[in-house]
Amino acid sequence: MIRSHDHLSDLTLSTDPVSGERHLRHQMTADGFYKGRLIKDLRKPIKEVEDNETQD
């Protein structure tokens, strides 16, 4: 029997208005943008503050 309803659909891609990067729908871009807003800044590493530095 042929099952014509059992198939994979194409991926739906969107283009971010700020960066112009193509990404999956409802997903953040590789640069950290979602719907034109910066959600997570992936360009700068997060600097951890040690307890010794805060007591000076």
Protein backbone atom coordinates (compact mmCIF):
# COMPACT_ATOMS: atom_id res chain seq x y z
CA MET A 1 0.00 0.00 0.00
CA ILE A 2 1.29 3.49 -0.81
CA ARG A 3 1.20 5.96 2.05
CA SER A 4 1.29 9.35 0.43
CA HIS A 5 0.63 11.14 3.72
CA ASP A 6 3.79 9.73 5.37
CA HIS A 7 6.52 12.05 4.15
CA LEU A 8 8.88 14.67 5.49
CA SER A 9 8.00 18.27 4.87
CA ASP A 10 10.49 20.96 3.89
CA LEU A 11 12.09 23.06 6.60
CA THR A 12 10.54 26.48 7.13
CA LEU A 13 13.27 29.11 7.25
CA SER A 14 13.04 32.75 8.25
CA THR A 15 15.40 35.66 7.71
CA ASP A 16 16.31 37.82 10.71
CA PRO A 17 15.59 41.50 9.93
CA VAL A 18 18.68 42.81 11.75
CA SER A 19 21.43 40.35 10.90
CA GLY A 20 19.95 39.00 7.65
CA GLU A 21 20.82 35.48 8.77
CA ARG A 22 18.54 32.58 7.81
CA HIS A 23 17.37 30.33 10.66
CA LEU A 24 14.68 27.81 11.57
CA ARG A 25 11.31 29.26 12.56
CA HIS A 26 10.86 30.00 16.28
CA GLN A 27 14.59 29.50 16.87
CA MET A 28 17.31 31.97 17.75
CA THR A 29 20.01 32.66 15.14
CA ALA A 30 23.60 31.56 15.66
CA ASP A 31 24.45 35.16 16.65
CA GLY A 32 21.80 35.21 19.40
CA PHE A 33 19.04 37.24 17.66
CA TYR A 34 15.32 36.42 17.74
CA LYS A 35 12.74 38.56 15.91
CA GLY A 36 15.32 41.31 15.40
CA ARG A 37 16.26 41.58 19.09
CA LEU A 38 19.48 40.44 20.72
CA ILE A 39 18.44 37.73 23.16
CA LYS A 40 21.82 36.33 24.12
CA ASP A 41 25.10 38.07 23.36
CA LEU A 42 27.27 35.22 22.12
CA ARG A 43 30.00 37.53 20.81
CA LYS A 44 31.51 38.36 24.23
CA PRO A 45 32.61 35.71 26.73
CA ILE A 46 31.01 35.94 30.15
CA LYS A 47 33.54 37.09 32.75
CA GLU A 48 33.21 35.42 36.12
CA VAL A 49 33.97 37.52 39.19
CA GLU A 50 35.90 35.80 41.93
CA ASP A 51 35.22 36.47 45.62
CA ASN A 52 38.72 37.91 46.11
CA GLU A 53 38.15 40.64 43.53
CA THR A 54 34.95 41.90 45.14
CA GLN A 55 36.51 42.36 48.61
CA ASP A 56 39.28 44.79 47.53
